[in-house]
Structures are given as C-alpha cells and as structure tokens.
C-alpha atoms as a PDB file:
ATOM      1  CA  MET A   1     -25.166  17.358  -3.388  1.00  0.00           C
ATOM      2  CA  ILE A   2     -22.160  15.040  -3.677  1.00  0.00           C
ATOM      3  CA  ASP A   3     -19.082  15.359  -5.839  1.00  0.00           C
ATOM      4  CA  THR A   4     -18.987  12.721  -8.549  1.00  0.00           C
ATOM      5  CA  PHE A   5     -16.516  11.512 -11.159  1.00  0.00           C
ATOM      6  CA  LYS A   6     -17.631  11.471 -14.788  1.00  0.00           C
ATOM      7  CA  ASP A   7     -16.470   7.872 -15.193  1.00  0.00           C
ATOM      8  CA  ARG A   8     -13.668   5.509 -14.165  1.00  0.00           C
ATOM      9  CA  ILE A   9     -11.210   7.000 -16.677  1.00  0.00           C
ATOM     10  CA  GLU A  10     -11.603  10.502 -15.245  1.00  0.00           C
ATOM     11  CA  ALA A  11     -11.192   9.095 -11.726  1.00  0.00           C
ATOM     12  CA  GLY A  12      -8.019   7.293 -12.848  1.00  0.00           C
ATOM     13  CA  ILE A  13      -6.563  10.488 -14.333  1.00  0.00           C
ATOM     14  CA  GLN A  14      -7.221  12.349 -11.073  1.00  0.00           C
ATOM     15  CA  LEU A  15      -5.598   9.526  -9.102  1.00  0.00           C
ATOM     16  CA  ALA A  16      -2.563   9.590 -11.382  1.00  0.00           C
ATOM     17  CA  LYS A  17      -1.979  13.270 -10.522  1.00  0.00           C
ATOM     18  CA  GLU A  18      -1.603  12.277  -6.864  1.00  0.00           C
ATOM     19  CA  LEU A  19       0.892   9.552  -7.757  1.00  0.00           C
ATOM     20  CA  CYS A  20       3.295  11.524  -9.961  1.00  0.00           C
ATOM     21  CA  SER A  21       6.130  11.156  -7.452  1.00  0.00           C
ATOM     22  CA  TYR A  22       6.297   7.476  -8.483  1.00  0.00           C
ATOM     23  CA  LYS A  23       6.853   8.232 -12.177  1.00  0.00           C
ATOM     24  CA  ASN A  24       9.819   6.443 -13.789  1.00  0.00           C
ATOM     25  CA  LYS A  25      10.444   4.352 -10.672  1.00  0.00           C
ATOM     26  CA  ALA A  26      10.341   0.563 -10.286  1.00  0.00           C
ATOM     27  CA  VAL A  27       6.549   0.543 -10.114  1.00  0.00           C
ATOM     28  CA  ILE A  28       3.910  -2.014 -11.016  1.00  0.00           C
ATOM     29  CA  VAL A  29       0.258  -0.978 -11.032  1.00  0.00           C
ATOM     30  CA  ILE A  30      -2.100  -3.733  -9.886  1.00  0.00           C
ATOM     31  CA  ALA A  31      -5.762  -3.247 -10.748  1.00  0.00           C
ATOM     32  CA  ILE A  32      -8.569  -5.032  -8.910  1.00  0.00           C
ATOM     33  CA  PRO A  33     -10.647  -6.652 -11.666  1.00  0.00           C
ATOM     34  CA  ARG A  34     -12.712  -5.702 -13.272  1.00  0.00           C
ATOM     35  CA  GLY A  35     -13.754  -2.203 -12.252  1.00  0.00           C
ATOM     36  CA  GLY A  36     -10.209  -1.193 -11.362  1.00  0.00           C
ATOM     37  CA  LEU A  37      -8.817  -1.794 -14.864  1.00  0.00           C
ATOM     38  CA  PRO A  38      -9.795   1.553 -16.501  1.00  0.00           C
ATOM     39  CA  LEU A  39      -8.364   3.473 -13.528  1.00  0.00           C
ATOM     40  CA  GLY A  40      -5.263   1.283 -13.345  1.00  0.00           C
ATOM     41  CA  ALA A  41      -4.578   1.886 -17.032  1.00  0.00           C
ATOM     42  CA  ALA A  42      -4.801   5.665 -16.604  1.00  0.00           C
ATOM     43  CA  VAL A  43      -2.385   5.529 -13.655  1.00  0.00           C
ATOM     44  CA  ALA A  44       0.020   3.149 -15.415  1.00  0.00           C
ATOM     45  CA  ARG A  45       0.210   5.358 -18.514  1.00  0.00           C
ATOM     46  CA  VAL A  46       1.075   8.475 -16.505  1.00  0.00           C
ATOM     47  CA  LEU A  47       3.644   6.649 -14.372  1.00  0.00           C
ATOM     48  CA  LYS A  48       5.061   4.780 -17.406  1.00  0.00           C
ATOM     49  CA  ALA A  49       4.612   1.535 -15.476  1.00  0.00           C
ATOM     50  CA  PRO A  50       3.325  -1.923 -16.417  1.00  0.00           C
ATOM     51  CA  LEU A  51      -0.270  -2.806 -15.534  1.00  0.00           C
ATOM     52  CA  ASP A  52      -1.269  -6.121 -13.987  1.00  0.00           C
ATOM     53  CA  VAL A  53      -4.386  -7.528 -12.314  1.00  0.00           C
ATOM     54  CA  ALA A  54      -4.906  -9.047  -8.900  1.00  0.00           C
ATOM     55  CA  LEU A  55      -5.947 -12.637  -9.538  1.00  0.00           C
ATOM     56  CA  ILE A  56      -7.371 -12.835  -6.051  1.00  0.00           C
ATOM     57  CA  LYS A  57     -10.957 -13.177  -4.822  1.00  0.00           C
ATOM     58  CA  LYS A  58     -12.461 -12.811  -1.402  1.00  0.00           C
ATOM     59  CA  ILE A  59     -14.047 -15.652   0.548  1.00  0.00           C
ATOM     60  CA  GLY A  60     -17.432 -14.307   1.572  1.00  0.00           C
ATOM     61  CA  HIS A  61     -19.115 -15.052   4.887  1.00  0.00           C
ATOM     62  CA  PRO A  62     -21.558 -17.989   4.502  1.00  0.00           C
ATOM     63  CA  TYR A  63     -24.496 -15.750   5.517  1.00  0.00           C
ATOM     64  CA  ASN A  64     -23.277 -12.537   3.901  1.00  0.00           C
ATOM     65  CA  LYS A  65     -21.242 -13.088   0.737  1.00  0.00           C
ATOM     66  CA  GLU A  66     -20.248  -9.403   0.531  1.00  0.00           C
ATOM     67  CA  TYR A  67     -18.437  -9.603   3.871  1.00  0.00           C
ATOM     68  CA  ALA A  68     -14.902 -10.901   3.345  1.00  0.00           C
ATOM     69  CA  ILE A  69     -13.573 -13.477   5.815  1.00  0.00           C
ATOM     70  CA  GLY A  70     -10.465 -14.183   3.763  1.00  0.00           C
ATOM     71  CA  ALA A  71      -9.050 -14.276   0.256  1.00  0.00           C
ATOM     72  CA  VAL A  72      -7.730 -16.830  -2.203  1.00  0.00           C
ATOM     73  CA  SER A  73      -5.167 -16.709  -4.996  1.00  0.00           C
ATOM     74  CA  LEU A  74      -4.154 -19.601  -7.239  1.00  0.00           C
ATOM     75  CA  THR A  75      -1.346 -20.503  -4.841  1.00  0.00           C
ATOM     76  CA  SER A  76      -2.200 -18.965  -1.460  1.00  0.00           C
ATOM     77  CA  ARG A  77      -5.013 -18.325   0.978  1.00  0.00           C
ATOM     78  CA  ILE A  78      -5.439 -16.103   4.019  1.00  0.00           C
ATOM     79  CA  LEU A  79      -8.268 -16.143   6.553  1.00  0.00           C
ATOM     80  CA  SER A  80      -9.374 -13.582   9.112  1.00  0.00           C
ATOM     81  CA  ALA A  81      -8.510 -14.275  12.731  1.00  0.00           C
ATOM     82  CA  ALA A  82     -12.128 -14.766  13.820  1.00  0.00           C
ATOM     83  CA  ILE A  83     -13.579 -17.111  11.210  1.00  0.00           C
ATOM     84  CA  GLU A  84     -17.298 -17.710  11.485  1.00  0.00           C
ATOM     85  CA  ALA A  85     -17.431 -20.545   8.983  1.00  0.00           C
ATOM     86  CA  SER A  86     -16.855 -24.282   8.935  1.00  0.00           C
ATOM     87  CA  GLU A  87     -13.688 -25.831   7.558  1.00  0.00           C
ATOM     88  CA  GLU A  88     -15.824 -27.607   4.953  1.00  0.00           C
ATOM     89  CA  TYR A  89     -17.268 -24.279   3.739  1.00  0.00           C
ATOM     90  CA  ILE A  90     -13.795 -22.711   3.541  1.00  0.00           C
ATOM     91  CA  GLU A  91     -12.418 -25.632   1.504  1.00  0.00           C
ATOM     92  CA  GLU A  92     -15.388 -25.690  -0.884  1.00  0.00           C
ATOM     93  CA  GLU A  93     -15.176 -21.925  -1.441  1.00  0.00           C
ATOM     94  CA  THR A  94     -11.412 -22.118  -1.985  1.00  0.00           C
ATOM     95  CA  LYS A  95     -11.851 -24.793  -4.688  1.00  0.00           C
ATOM     96  CA  ARG A  96     -14.707 -22.897  -6.356  1.00  0.00           C
ATOM     97  CA  ILE A  97     -12.790 -19.618  -6.378  1.00  0.00           C
ATOM     98  CA  ARG A  98      -9.629 -21.214  -7.774  1.00  0.00           C
ATOM     99  CA  VAL A  99     -11.599 -22.627 -10.700  1.00  0.00           C
ATOM    100  CA  LEU A 100     -12.788 -19.077 -11.479  1.00  0.00           C
ATOM    101  CA  LEU A 101      -9.289 -17.646 -11.047  1.00  0.00           C
ATOM    102  CA  ALA A 102      -7.739 -20.291 -13.309  1.00  0.00           C
ATOM    103  CA  ARG A 103     -10.291 -19.426 -15.996  1.00  0.00           C
ATOM    104  CA  ARG A 104      -9.574 -15.717 -15.587  1.00  0.00           C
ATOM    105  CA  GLN A 105      -5.819 -16.339 -15.741  1.00  0.00           C
ATOM    106  CA  LYS A 106      -6.212 -18.088 -19.115  1.00  0.00           C
ATOM    107  CA  GLN A 107      -8.327 -15.203 -20.384  1.00  0.00           C
ATOM    108  CA  TYR A 108      -6.146 -12.372 -19.117  1.00  0.00           C
ATOM    109  CA  TYR A 109      -2.690 -13.785 -19.758  1.00  0.00           C
ATOM    110  CA  LYS A 110      -3.056 -15.434 -23.149  1.00  0.00           C
ATOM    111  CA  ASN A 111      -0.618 -12.870 -24.620  1.00  0.00           C
ATOM    112  CA  LEU A 112       1.020 -11.669 -21.407  1.00  0.00           C
ATOM    113  CA  LYS A 113       2.841 -12.905 -18.322  1.00  0.00           C
ATOM    114  CA  PRO A 114       2.122 -11.909 -14.711  1.00  0.00           C
ATOM    115  CA  GLN A 115       4.531  -9.314 -13.338  1.00  0.00           C
ATOM    116  CA  ASN A 116       7.173 -10.228 -10.757  1.00  0.00           C
ATOM    117  CA  LEU A 117       6.408  -8.047  -7.722  1.00  0.00           C
ATOM    118  CA  LYS A 118       9.566  -8.749  -5.730  1.00  0.00           C
ATOM    119  CA  ASN A 119      11.408  -5.541  -4.711  1.00  0.00           C
ATOM    120  CA  LYS A 120       8.945  -3.392  -6.691  1.00  0.00           C
ATOM    121  CA  ILE A 121       6.697  -0.528  -5.611  1.00  0.00           C
ATOM    122  CA  VAL A 122       3.207  -1.954  -6.024  1.00  0.00           C
ATOM    123  CA  ILE A 123       0.334   0.492  -6.471  1.00  0.00           C
ATOM    124  CA  VAL A 124      -3.023  -1.235  -5.995  1.00  0.00           C
ATOM    125  CA  VAL A 125      -5.887   0.577  -7.735  1.00  0.00           C
ATOM    126  CA  ASP A 126      -9.647   0.053  -7.558  1.00  0.00           C
ATOM    127  CA  ASP A 127     -12.676   2.171  -8.470  1.00  0.00           C
ATOM    128  CA  GLY A 128     -13.618   2.541  -4.812  1.00  0.00           C
ATOM    129  CA  ILE A 129     -13.743   0.765  -1.470  1.00  0.00           C
ATOM    130  CA  ALA A 130     -16.798   0.074   0.678  1.00  0.00           C
ATOM    131  CA  THR A 131     -15.662  -1.714   3.858  1.00  0.00           C
ATOM    132  CA  GLY A 132     -11.986  -2.331   3.071  1.00  0.00           C
ATOM    133  CA  ASN A 133     -12.148  -6.009   4.044  1.00  0.00           C
ATOM    134  CA  THR A 134     -11.672  -7.392   0.530  1.00  0.00           C
ATOM    135  CA  ILE A 135      -8.758  -5.140  -0.398  1.00  0.00           C
ATOM    136  CA  LEU A 136      -7.055  -5.825   2.942  1.00  0.00           C
ATOM    137  CA  ALA A 137      -7.171  -9.540   2.242  1.00  0.00           C
ATOM    138  CA  THR A 138      -5.879  -8.901  -1.291  1.00  0.00           C
ATOM    139  CA  ILE A 139      -3.000  -6.779   0.025  1.00  0.00           C
ATOM    140  CA  GLU A 140      -1.945  -9.474   2.477  1.00  0.00           C
ATOM    141  CA  LEU A 141      -1.575 -11.953  -0.390  1.00  0.00           C
ATOM    142  CA  ILE A 142       0.299  -9.387  -2.527  1.00  0.00           C
ATOM    143  CA  TYR A 143       2.664  -8.831   0.417  1.00  0.00           C
ATOM    144  CA  GLN A 144       3.705 -12.485   0.221  1.00  0.00           C
ATOM    145  CA  ASN A 145       5.364 -11.648  -3.137  1.00  0.00           C
ATOM    146  CA  GLN A 146       7.914  -9.457  -1.299  1.00  0.00           C
ATOM    147  CA  PRO A 147       7.310  -6.040  -2.876  1.00  0.00           C
ATOM    148  CA  ASN A 148       9.435  -3.139  -1.675  1.00  0.00           C
ATOM    149  CA  LYS A 149       6.394  -0.964  -0.939  1.00  0.00           C
ATOM    150  CA  ILE A 150       2.601  -1.209  -1.229  1.00  0.00           C
ATOM    151  CA  VAL A 151       0.442   1.819  -2.019  1.00  0.00           C
ATOM    152  CA  VAL A 152      -3.358   1.693  -2.175  1.00  0.00           C
ATOM    153  CA  ALA A 153      -4.928   4.326  -4.454  1.00  0.00           C
ATOM    154  CA  VAL A 154      -8.690   4.760  -4.850  1.00  0.00           C
ATOM    155  CA  PRO A 155     -10.976   7.645  -5.789  1.00  0.00           C
ATOM    156  CA  VAL A 156     -13.508   7.161  -2.996  1.00  0.00           C
ATOM    157  CA  ALA A 157     -14.029   5.317   0.289  1.00  0.00           C
ATOM    158  CA  PRO A 158     -15.745   6.034   3.596  1.00  0.00           C
ATOM    159  CA  PRO A 159     -13.519   7.409   6.386  1.00  0.00           C
ATOM    160  CA  SER A 160     -13.834   4.155   8.366  1.00  0.00           C
ATOM    161  CA  ALA A 161     -12.419   2.099   5.471  1.00  0.00           C
ATOM    162  CA  VAL A 162      -9.514   4.514   4.951  1.00  0.00           C
ATOM    163  CA  GLU A 163      -8.623   4.336   8.641  1.00  0.00           C
ATOM    164  CA  LYS A 164      -8.733   0.543   8.453  1.00  0.00           C
ATOM    165  CA  LEU A 165      -6.300   0.572   5.523  1.00  0.00           C
ATOM    166  CA  LYS A 166      -3.953   3.013   7.254  1.00  0.00           C
ATOM    167  CA  THR A 167      -3.606   0.701  10.250  1.00  0.00           C
ATOM    168  CA  SER A 168      -2.628  -2.308   8.098  1.00  0.00           C
ATOM    169  CA  PRO A 169       0.987  -3.423   8.636  1.00  0.00           C
ATOM    170  CA  TYR A 170       1.173  -4.373   4.945  1.00  0.00           C
ATOM    171  CA  ILE A 171       0.245  -0.972   3.456  1.00  0.00           C
ATOM    172  CA  ASP A 172       2.820   1.832   3.307  1.00  0.00           C
ATOM    173  CA  GLU A 173       0.624   4.593   1.871  1.00  0.00           C
ATOM    174  CA  VAL A 174      -3.077   5.184   1.239  1.00  0.00           C
ATOM    175  CA  ILE A 175      -4.272   7.725  -1.323  1.00  0.00           C
ATOM    176  CA  CYS A 176      -8.014   8.396  -1.435  1.00  0.00           C
ATOM    177  CA  LEU A 177      -9.434  11.425  -3.270  1.00  0.00           C
ATOM    178  CA  GLN A 178     -12.781  11.555  -1.459  1.00  0.00           C
ATOM    179  CA  THR A 179     -13.807  10.264   1.970  1.00  0.00           C
ATOM    180  CA  PRO A 180     -17.526  11.101   2.243  1.00  0.00           C
ATOM    181  CA  TYR A 181     -19.497  10.314   5.391  1.00  0.00           C
ATOM    182  CA  ASN A 182     -22.662   9.773   3.341  1.00  0.00           C
ATOM    183  CA  PHE A 183     -21.146   6.733   1.587  1.00  0.00           C
ATOM    184  CA  ARG A 184     -23.664   4.069   0.534  1.00  0.00           C
ATOM    185  CA  ALA A 185     -22.062   2.438  -2.515  1.00  0.00           C
ATOM    186  CA  VAL A 186     -19.119   3.063  -4.861  1.00  0.00           C
ATOM    187  CA  GLY A 187     -21.385   3.694  -7.867  1.00  0.00           C
ATOM    188  CA  GLN A 188     -23.013   6.605  -6.025  1.00  0.00           C
ATOM    189  CA  PHE A 189     -19.927   8.713  -6.813  1.00  0.00           C
ATOM    190  CA  TYR A 190     -19.830   8.149 -10.591  1.00  0.00           C
ATOM    191  CA  ASP A 191     -22.036   9.651 -13.290  1.00  0.00           C
ATOM    192  CA  GLU A 192     -21.287   6.602 -15.445  1.00  0.00           C
ATOM    193  CA  PHE A 193     -20.681   3.310 -13.664  1.00  0.00           C
ATOM    194  CA  ASN A 194     -21.222   0.598 -16.257  1.00  0.00           C
ATOM    195  CA  THR A 195     -20.045  -2.960 -15.670  1.00  0.00           C
ATOM    196  CA  VAL A 196     -16.549  -3.637 -17.047  1.00  0.00           C
ATOM    197  CA  THR A 197     -16.714  -6.912 -18.980  1.00  0.00           C
ATOM    198  CA  ASP A 198     -13.931  -9.495 -19.162  1.00  0.00           C
ATOM    199  CA  ASP A 199     -13.389  -8.602 -22.831  1.00  0.00           C
ATOM    200  CA  GLU A 200     -12.956  -4.917 -21.952  1.00  0.00           C
ATOM    201  CA  ALA A 201     -10.620  -5.761 -19.076  1.00  0.00           C
ATOM    202  CA  ILE A 202      -8.429  -7.950 -21.306  1.00  0.00           C
ATOM    203  CA  ARG A 203      -8.303  -5.258 -24.013  1.00  0.00           C
ATOM    204  CA  ILE A 204      -7.306  -2.578 -21.480  1.00  0.00           C
ATOM    205  CA  LEU A 205      -4.589  -4.796 -19.997  1.00  0.00           C
ATOM    206  CA  GLU A 206      -3.094  -5.681 -23.386  1.00  0.00           C
ATOM    207  CA  GLU A 207      -3.270  -2.145 -24.845  1.00  0.00           C
ATOM    208  CA  CYS A 208      -1.722  -0.574 -21.769  1.00  0.00           C
ATOM    209  CA  ASN A 209       1.207  -2.986 -21.690  1.00  0.00           C
ATOM    210  CA  GLN A 210       1.933  -2.518 -25.398  1.00  0.00           C
ATOM    211  CA  ILE A 211       2.606   1.142 -24.653  1.00  0.00           C
ATOM    212  CA  VAL A 212       4.992   0.529 -21.737  1.00  0.00           C
END
C-alpha cells in the first residue's frame, strides 16, 4: 500500500504548507509545464506570489529520449559534462526545441510578461521527479538569471533523485513530501493524474496572476 495524493491540486496545497515561511517575501513560483502548473498555482496563492513557467526543455539522449543530457531555453543551453551525442544531433535538437518553446511562449504570454528572476527567491514546482536530470538542467538555466535563492518543491521523488538535487551547487533547499523506495513513475502516487493541456495551463497561469 502506498500513500497517494488525490490530484495535483491537493499535492500543491500540501506543498504550500511546507513553504509558508516564504509568504509575503520576494518570491516567484516557477512551474514546470505542464503538470507543475496546478501545483504551482496552489503554492503561489498561499504565498501571495506571482506564478511563472519554465520555458525550458531537456535535450534527450539520442538512444533514450527520457534521459536528459542537457537543456535548452530560448536564449541559453547547457550540456552535461559527459555528452554521448554528436554535435550535429545537439544542434538539431536545440533548433527543434526552440521552435516548440517559441510557440509555447506565444501561447502562454499573450496577456502576460515573463517574471524577472534577478534577486528573487525562486521556488521551482513540479508534480514529481523521476531521475532529477531534467530539473537539474532546468535549475542551471534558471540560475543564470541571478536569483537570490532557488528552492525545489515537489510532492514525490525517489531518494536517489532527492540526494542528487541536494548536492547541486545551484539549489539552496529541497522540499519533497514523499521519498518512496518503490518509485516507478510519478503517476503512481496520484489517484487522478490526467494530462494537463496547454489550454488548461494557460488558464491556470492567467487566473493565478490576476489574483496576485
């Protein structure tokens, strides 16, 4: 028997309780799209902070797309130290990902502007972490925006991923509600784990920021 969350909103409310010390501070909540948006909104409402999204995507290994070997934003790119991919593959993936990110930026920011992260406390929220590779790459790109502090907050992750995050020089604090050893997939720990569509993500982002 494993402990599960009813849905992403309940998980976000539980996360927010662990983050109350950041209420009314210079905080920006960054959600990993798209599954992180419902949780990010719950956290942002409790902390009275603006909600933003990480317009960043991982570069997957050529033979295992789920394994991150780097990450790309619209303006930056980072790669892991031991890259097992050709320069041609990296360049093609970077171009392909930036096309997707540019499309997502137009969708998500039609009525909003991205938040300035400089000198802010950035709380990065997702619905769960499997290996930690993707979020580590994301954090490294967020760090380039010169935030004052970076906190990673997730409902569930295996112990190995949490340890990996805690050893990152870019992360100041890791909050994880459950660290089960029997971890197989994030969805295993939710009763309801429906796909969050782009339309839902945009609605959540806009509604949350109207309240702040």
